[in-house]
PDB file of all heavy atoms in Angstrom:
ATOM      1  N   ASP A   1      -4.746  22.259   2.253  1.00  0.00           N
ATOM      2  CA  ASP A   1      -4.010  22.009   1.012  1.00  0.00           C
ATOM      3  C   ASP A   1      -2.535  22.364   1.150  1.00  0.00           C
ATOM      4  O   ASP A   1      -2.187  23.401   1.726  1.00  0.00           O
ATOM      5  CB  ASP A   1      -4.601  22.832  -0.135  1.00  0.00           C
ATOM      6  CG  ASP A   1      -5.965  22.325  -0.547  1.00  0.00           C
ATOM      7  OD1 ASP A   1      -6.268  21.155  -0.266  1.00  0.00           O
ATOM      8  OD2 ASP A   1      -6.732  23.112  -1.140  1.00  0.00           O
ATOM      9  N   ILE A   2      -1.678  21.518   0.610  1.00  0.00           N
ATOM     10  CA  ILE A   2      -0.249  21.798   0.532  1.00  0.00           C
ATOM     11  C   ILE A   2       0.224  21.541  -0.890  1.00  0.00           C
ATOM     12  O   ILE A   2      -0.479  20.916  -1.688  1.00  0.00           O
ATOM     13  CB  ILE A   2       0.584  20.942   1.519  1.00  0.00           C
ATOM     14  CG1 ILE A   2       0.505  19.459   1.138  1.00  0.00           C
ATOM     15  CG2 ILE A   2       0.145  21.179   2.953  1.00  0.00           C
ATOM     16  CD1 ILE A   2       1.516  18.588   1.886  1.00  0.00           C
ATOM     17  N   ASP A   3       1.399  22.033  -1.205  1.00  0.00           N
ATOM     18  CA  ASP A   3       1.993  21.832  -2.520  1.00  0.00           C
ATOM     19  C   ASP A   3       3.100  20.787  -2.497  1.00  0.00           C
ATOM     20  O   ASP A   3       3.305  20.066  -3.471  1.00  0.00           O
ATOM     21  CB  ASP A   3       2.576  23.158  -3.035  1.00  0.00           C
ATOM     22  CG  ASP A   3       1.518  24.226  -3.145  1.00  0.00           C
ATOM     23  OD1 ASP A   3       0.751  24.181  -4.116  1.00  0.00           O
ATOM     24  OD2 ASP A   3       1.455  25.098  -2.262  1.00  0.00           O
ATOM     25  N   VAL A   4       3.844  20.748  -1.392  1.00  0.00           N
ATOM     26  CA  VAL A   4       5.005  19.857  -1.291  1.00  0.00           C
ATOM     27  C   VAL A   4       5.016  19.193   0.077  1.00  0.00           C
ATOM     28  O   VAL A   4       4.809  19.849   1.104  1.00  0.00           O
ATOM     29  CB  VAL A   4       6.327  20.639  -1.487  1.00  0.00           C
ATOM     30  CG1 VAL A   4       7.531  19.727  -1.287  1.00  0.00           C
ATOM     31  CG2 VAL A   4       6.383  21.269  -2.879  1.00  0.00           C
ATOM     32  N   LEU A   5       5.265  17.882   0.100  1.00  0.00           N
ATOM     33  CA  LEU A   5       5.488  17.131   1.339  1.00  0.00           C
ATOM     34  C   LEU A   5       6.937  16.710   1.388  1.00  0.00           C
ATOM     35  O   LEU A   5       7.445  16.086   0.446  1.00  0.00           O
ATOM     36  CB  LEU A   5       4.594  15.888   1.387  1.00  0.00           C
ATOM     37  CG  LEU A   5       4.934  14.867   2.480  1.00  0.00           C
ATOM     38  CD1 LEU A   5       4.693  15.440   3.869  1.00  0.00           C
ATOM     39  CD2 LEU A   5       4.145  13.569   2.280  1.00  0.00           C
ATOM     40  N   VAL A   6       7.623  17.039   2.486  1.00  0.00           N
ATOM     41  CA  VAL A   6       8.999  16.597   2.706  1.00  0.00           C
ATOM     42  C   VAL A   6       9.011  15.637   3.892  1.00  0.00           C
ATOM     43  O   VAL A   6       8.784  16.041   5.037  1.00  0.00           O
ATOM     44  CB  VAL A   6       9.944  17.785   2.983  1.00  0.00           C
ATOM     45  CG1 VAL A   6      11.368  17.279   3.218  1.00  0.00           C
ATOM     46  CG2 VAL A   6       9.910  18.784   1.841  1.00  0.00           C
ATOM     47  N   ASN A   7       9.260  14.372   3.606  1.00  0.00           N
ATOM     48  CA  ASN A   7       9.348  13.360   4.659  1.00  0.00           C
ATOM     49  C   ASN A   7      10.791  13.287   5.149  1.00  0.00           C
ATOM     50  O   ASN A   7      11.649  12.666   4.516  1.00  0.00           O
ATOM     51  CB  ASN A   7       8.899  11.999   4.122  1.00  0.00           C
ATOM     52  CG  ASN A   7       7.402  11.879   4.054  1.00  0.00           C
ATOM     53  OD1 ASN A   7       6.698  12.150   5.024  1.00  0.00           O
ATOM     54  ND2 ASN A   7       6.889  11.481   2.903  1.00  0.00           N
ATOM     55  N   ASN A   8      11.040  13.921   6.277  1.00  0.00           N
ATOM     56  CA  ASN A   8      12.383  13.978   6.832  1.00  0.00           C
ATOM     57  C   ASN A   8      12.487  13.281   8.181  1.00  0.00           C
ATOM     58  O   ASN A   8      13.579  12.894   8.606  1.00  0.00           O
ATOM     59  CB  ASN A   8      12.810  15.444   6.978  1.00  0.00           C
ATOM     60  CG  ASN A   8      14.084  15.606   7.766  1.00  0.00           C
ATOM     61  OD1 ASN A   8      15.177  15.293   7.301  1.00  0.00           O
ATOM     62  ND2 ASN A   8      13.955  16.085   9.008  1.00  0.00           N
ATOM     63  N   ALA A   9      11.377  13.085   8.881  1.00  0.00           N
ATOM     64  CA  ALA A   9      11.407  12.494  10.220  1.00  0.00           C
ATOM     65  C   ALA A   9      11.989  11.088  10.178  1.00  0.00           C
ATOM     66  O   ALA A   9      11.680  10.300   9.280  1.00  0.00           O
ATOM     67  CB  ALA A   9      10.004  12.467  10.813  1.00  0.00           C
ATOM     68  N   GLY A  10      12.833  10.787  11.154  1.00  0.00           N
ATOM     69  CA  GLY A  10      13.421   9.460  11.230  1.00  0.00           C
ATOM     70  C   GLY A  10      14.516   9.424  12.275  1.00  0.00           C
ATOM     71  O   GLY A  10      14.879  10.444  12.855  1.00  0.00           O
ATOM     72  N   PHE A  11      15.047   8.232  12.514  1.00  0.00           N
ATOM     73  CA  PHE A  11      16.162   8.099  13.444  1.00  0.00           C
ATOM     74  C   PHE A  11      17.022   6.916  13.027  1.00  0.00           C
ATOM     75  O   PHE A  11      16.619   6.106  12.182  1.00  0.00           O
ATOM     76  CB  PHE A  11      15.670   7.947  14.886  1.00  0.00           C
ATOM     77  CG  PHE A  11      15.172   6.563  15.230  1.00  0.00           C
ATOM     78  CD1 PHE A  11      15.982   5.672  15.927  1.00  0.00           C
ATOM     79  CD2 PHE A  11      13.901   6.142  14.870  1.00  0.00           C
ATOM     80  CE1 PHE A  11      15.536   4.403  16.252  1.00  0.00           C
ATOM     81  CE2 PHE A  11      13.437   4.880  15.186  1.00  0.00           C
ATOM     82  CZ  PHE A  11      14.268   4.005  15.882  1.00  0.00           C
ATOM     83  N   GLY A  12      18.210   6.835  13.615  1.00  0.00           N
ATOM     84  CA  GLY A  12      19.136   5.775  13.266  1.00  0.00           C
ATOM     85  C   GLY A  12      19.525   4.926  14.461  1.00  0.00           C
ATOM     86  O   GLY A  12      19.264   5.286  15.612  1.00  0.00           O
ATOM     87  N   ALA A  13      20.145   3.808  14.171  1.00  0.00           N
ATOM     88  CA  ALA A  13      20.673   2.931  15.218  1.00  0.00           C
ATOM     89  C   ALA A  13      21.865   2.191  14.635  1.00  0.00           C
ATOM     90  O   ALA A  13      21.828   1.745  13.495  1.00  0.00           O
ATOM     91  CB  ALA A  13      19.617   1.944  15.701  1.00  0.00           C
ATOM     92  N   ALA A  14      22.922   2.075  15.442  1.00  0.00           N
ATOM     93  CA  ALA A  14      24.133   1.375  15.004  1.00  0.00           C
ATOM     94  C   ALA A  14      24.329   0.158  15.892  1.00  0.00           C
ATOM     95  O   ALA A  14      24.824   0.261  17.017  1.00  0.00           O
ATOM     96  CB  ALA A  14      25.340   2.305  15.088  1.00  0.00           C
ATOM     97  N   VAL A  15      23.934  -0.984  15.379  1.00  0.00           N
ATOM     98  CA  VAL A  15      23.973  -2.223  16.153  1.00  0.00           C
ATOM     99  C   VAL A  15      24.296  -3.379  15.210  1.00  0.00           C
ATOM    100  O   VAL A  15      23.744  -3.437  14.110  1.00  0.00           O
ATOM    101  CB  VAL A  15      22.605  -2.507  16.833  1.00  0.00           C
ATOM    102  CG1 VAL A  15      22.723  -3.669  17.808  1.00  0.00           C
ATOM    103  CG2 VAL A  15      22.065  -1.272  17.539  1.00  0.00           C
ATOM    104  N   PRO A  16      25.172  -4.307  15.612  1.00  0.00           N
ATOM    105  CA  PRO A  16      25.389  -5.490  14.789  1.00  0.00           C
ATOM    106  C   PRO A  16      24.083  -6.262  14.583  1.00  0.00           C
ATOM    107  O   PRO A  16      23.226  -6.288  15.471  1.00  0.00           O
ATOM    108  CB  PRO A  16      26.393  -6.319  15.609  1.00  0.00           C
ATOM    109  CG  PRO A  16      27.058  -5.334  16.510  1.00  0.00           C
ATOM    110  CD  PRO A  16      26.024  -4.304  16.824  1.00  0.00           C
ATOM    111  N   VAL A  17      23.946  -6.885  13.427  1.00  0.00           N
ATOM    112  CA  VAL A  17      22.746  -7.664  13.136  1.00  0.00           C
ATOM    113  C   VAL A  17      22.475  -8.679  14.244  1.00  0.00           C
ATOM    114  O   VAL A  17      21.323  -8.871  14.680  1.00  0.00           O
ATOM    115  CB  VAL A  17      22.890  -8.385  11.774  1.00  0.00           C
ATOM    116  CG1 VAL A  17      21.755  -9.377  11.567  1.00  0.00           C
ATOM    117  CG2 VAL A  17      22.914  -7.375  10.635  1.00  0.00           C
ATOM    118  N   GLU A  18      23.522  -9.305  14.715  1.00  0.00           N
ATOM    119  CA  GLU A  18      23.390 -10.336  15.742  1.00  0.00           C
ATOM    120  C   GLU A  18      22.755  -9.809  17.030  1.00  0.00           C
ATOM    121  O   GLU A  18      22.058 -10.546  17.735  1.00  0.00           O
ATOM    122  CB  GLU A  18      24.772 -10.905  16.066  1.00  0.00           C
ATOM    123  CG  GLU A  18      24.801 -11.974  17.143  1.00  0.00           C
ATOM    124  CD  GLU A  18      26.219 -12.391  17.500  1.00  0.00           C
ATOM    125  OE1 GLU A  18      27.147 -12.087  16.715  1.00  0.00           O
ATOM    126  OE2 GLU A  18      26.399 -13.018  18.559  1.00  0.00           O
ATOM    127  N   LEU A  19      22.968  -8.532  17.309  1.00  0.00           N
ATOM    128  CA  LEU A  19      22.606  -7.997  18.625  1.00  0.00           C
ATOM    129  C   LEU A  19      21.425  -7.039  18.620  1.00  0.00           C
ATOM    130  O   LEU A  19      20.959  -6.648  19.700  1.00  0.00           O
ATOM    131  CB  LEU A  19      23.816  -7.272  19.241  1.00  0.00           C
ATOM    132  CG  LEU A  19      25.088  -8.100  19.434  1.00  0.00           C
ATOM    133  CD1 LEU A  19      26.199  -7.232  20.005  1.00  0.00           C
ATOM    134  CD2 LEU A  19      24.823  -9.303  20.333  1.00  0.00           C
ATOM    135  N   ILE A  20      20.939  -6.652  17.476  1.00  0.00           N
ATOM    136  CA  ILE A  20      19.866  -5.657  17.480  1.00  0.00           C
ATOM    137  C   ILE A  20      18.602  -6.251  18.097  1.00  0.00           C
ATOM    138  O   ILE A  20      18.238  -7.401  17.836  1.00  0.00           O
ATOM    139  CB  ILE A  20      19.582  -5.108  16.059  1.00  0.00           C
ATOM    140  CG1 ILE A  20      18.711  -3.859  16.156  1.00  0.00           C
ATOM    141  CG2 ILE A  20      18.951  -6.157  15.161  1.00  0.00           C
ATOM    142  CD1 ILE A  20      18.720  -2.998  14.915  1.00  0.00           C
ATOM    143  N   GLU A  21      17.968  -5.466  18.947  1.00  0.00           N
ATOM    144  CA  GLU A  21      16.779  -5.945  19.639  1.00  0.00           C
ATOM    145  C   GLU A  21      15.554  -5.822  18.731  1.00  0.00           C
ATOM    146  O   GLU A  21      15.436  -4.849  17.968  1.00  0.00           O
ATOM    147  CB  GLU A  21      16.573  -5.140  20.920  1.00  0.00           C
ATOM    148  CG  GLU A  21      17.694  -5.342  21.931  1.00  0.00           C
ATOM    149  CD  GLU A  21      17.465  -4.588  23.219  1.00  0.00           C
ATOM    150  OE1 GLU A  21      16.460  -3.833  23.298  1.00  0.00           O
ATOM    151  OE2 GLU A  21      18.261  -4.756  24.152  1.00  0.00           O
ATOM    152  N   PRO A  22      14.645  -6.773  18.798  1.00  0.00           N
ATOM    153  CA  PRO A  22      13.463  -6.729  17.938  1.00  0.00           C
ATOM    154  C   PRO A  22      12.678  -5.426  18.070  1.00  0.00           C
ATOM    155  O   PRO A  22      12.172  -4.907  17.072  1.00  0.00           O
ATOM    156  CB  PRO A  22      12.636  -7.929  18.413  1.00  0.00           C
ATOM    157  CG  PRO A  22      13.657  -8.888  18.955  1.00  0.00           C
ATOM    158  CD  PRO A  22      14.717  -8.029  19.577  1.00  0.00           C
ATOM    159  N   ASP A  23      12.580  -4.895  19.285  1.00  0.00           N
ATOM    160  CA  ASP A  23      11.840  -3.644  19.464  1.00  0.00           C
ATOM    161  C   ASP A  23      12.502  -2.495  18.713  1.00  0.00           C
ATOM    162  O   ASP A  23      11.816  -1.641  18.142  1.00  0.00           O
ATOM    163  CB  ASP A  23      11.733  -3.294  20.951  1.00  0.00           C
ATOM    164  CG  ASP A  23      10.720  -4.167  21.676  1.00  0.00           C
ATOM    165  OD1 ASP A  23       9.936  -4.860  20.999  1.00  0.00           O
ATOM    166  OD2 ASP A  23      10.717  -4.166  22.928  1.00  0.00           O
ATOM    167  N   THR A  24      13.840  -2.459  18.719  1.00  0.00           N
ATOM    168  CA  THR A  24      14.555  -1.416  17.985  1.00  0.00           C
ATOM    169  C   THR A  24      14.342  -1.566  16.481  1.00  0.00           C
ATOM    170  O   THR A  24      14.112  -0.576  15.774  1.00  0.00           O
ATOM    171  CB  THR A  24      16.057  -1.459  18.303  1.00  0.00           C
ATOM    172  OG1 THR A  24      16.252  -1.264  19.705  1.00  0.00           O
ATOM    173  CG2 THR A  24      16.808  -0.379  17.537  1.00  0.00           C
ATOM    174  N   ALA A  25      14.398  -2.804  15.998  1.00  0.00           N
ATOM    175  CA  ALA A  25      14.178  -3.048  14.567  1.00  0.00           C
ATOM    176  C   ALA A  25      12.775  -2.614  14.158  1.00  0.00           C
ATOM    177  O   ALA A  25      12.585  -1.956  13.127  1.00  0.00           O
ATOM    178  CB  ALA A  25      14.392  -4.524  14.254  1.00  0.00           C
ATOM    179  N   ARG A  26      11.784  -2.966  14.971  1.00  0.00           N
ATOM    180  CA  ARG A  26      10.407  -2.569  14.652  1.00  0.00           C
ATOM    181  C   ARG A  26      10.258  -1.054  14.663  1.00  0.00           C
ATOM    182  O   ARG A  26       9.604  -0.470  13.794  1.00  0.00           O
ATOM    183  CB  ARG A  26       9.436  -3.214  15.653  1.00  0.00           C
ATOM    184  CG  ARG A  26       9.041  -4.638  15.297  1.00  0.00           C
ATOM    185  CD  ARG A  26       7.905  -5.109  16.172  1.00  0.00           C
ATOM    186  NE  ARG A  26       8.367  -5.358  17.536  1.00  0.00           N
ATOM    187  CZ  ARG A  26       8.796  -6.530  17.977  1.00  0.00           C
ATOM    188  NH1 ARG A  26       8.833  -7.572  17.146  1.00  0.00           N
ATOM    189  NH2 ARG A  26       9.188  -6.683  19.215  1.00  0.00           N
ATOM    190  N   GLU A  27      10.878  -0.400  15.650  1.00  0.00           N
ATOM    191  CA  GLU A  27      10.764   1.052  15.751  1.00  0.00           C
ATOM    192  C   GLU A  27      11.402   1.748  14.554  1.00  0.00           C
ATOM    193  O   GLU A  27      10.880   2.749  14.056  1.00  0.00           O
ATOM    194  CB  GLU A  27      11.415   1.533  17.054  1.00  0.00           C
ATOM    195  CG  GLU A  27      11.154   2.994  17.355  1.00  0.00           C
ATOM    196  CD  GLU A  27      11.735   3.445  18.679  1.00  0.00           C
ATOM    197  OE1 GLU A  27      12.231   2.577  19.443  1.00  0.00           O
ATOM    198  OE2 GLU A  27      11.716   4.659  18.950  1.00  0.00           O
ATOM    199  N   LEU A  28      12.527   1.217  14.079  1.00  0.00           N
ATOM    200  CA  LEU A  28      13.175   1.794  12.902  1.00  0.00           C
ATOM    201  C   LEU A  28      12.260   1.736  11.684  1.00  0.00           C
ATOM    202  O   LEU A  28      12.120   2.721  10.951  1.00  0.00           O
ATOM    203  CB  LEU A  28      14.491   1.067  12.613  1.00  0.00           C
ATOM    204  CG  LEU A  28      15.670   1.437  13.500  1.00  0.00           C
ATOM    205  CD1 LEU A  28      16.772   0.393  13.392  1.00  0.00           C
ATOM    206  CD2 LEU A  28      16.220   2.813  13.121  1.00  0.00           C
ATOM    207  N   PHE A  29      11.636   0.590  11.470  1.00  0.00           N
ATOM    208  CA  PHE A  29      10.752   0.468  10.314  1.00  0.00           C
ATOM    209  C   PHE A  29       9.451   1.248  10.509  1.00  0.00           C
ATOM    210  O   PHE A  29       8.929   1.841   9.566  1.00  0.00           O
ATOM    211  CB  PHE A  29      10.453  -1.004  10.015  1.00  0.00           C
ATOM    212  CG  PHE A  29      11.486  -1.646   9.134  1.00  0.00           C
ATOM    213  CD1 PHE A  29      12.564  -2.329   9.675  1.00  0.00           C
ATOM    214  CD2 PHE A  29      11.402  -1.531   7.751  1.00  0.00           C
ATOM    215  CE1 PHE A  29      13.534  -2.897   8.861  1.00  0.00           C
ATOM    216  CE2 PHE A  29      12.366  -2.103   6.933  1.00  0.00           C
ATOM    217  CZ  PHE A  29      13.433  -2.788   7.492  1.00  0.00           C
TER     218      PHE A  29
END
């Protein structure tokens, strides 16, 4: 049992839309 869940895990990527790789996009989501 817990009282509070804090969803903080994540990462970022800085890439132009034109150039972002599908694998990176999938990993972000």
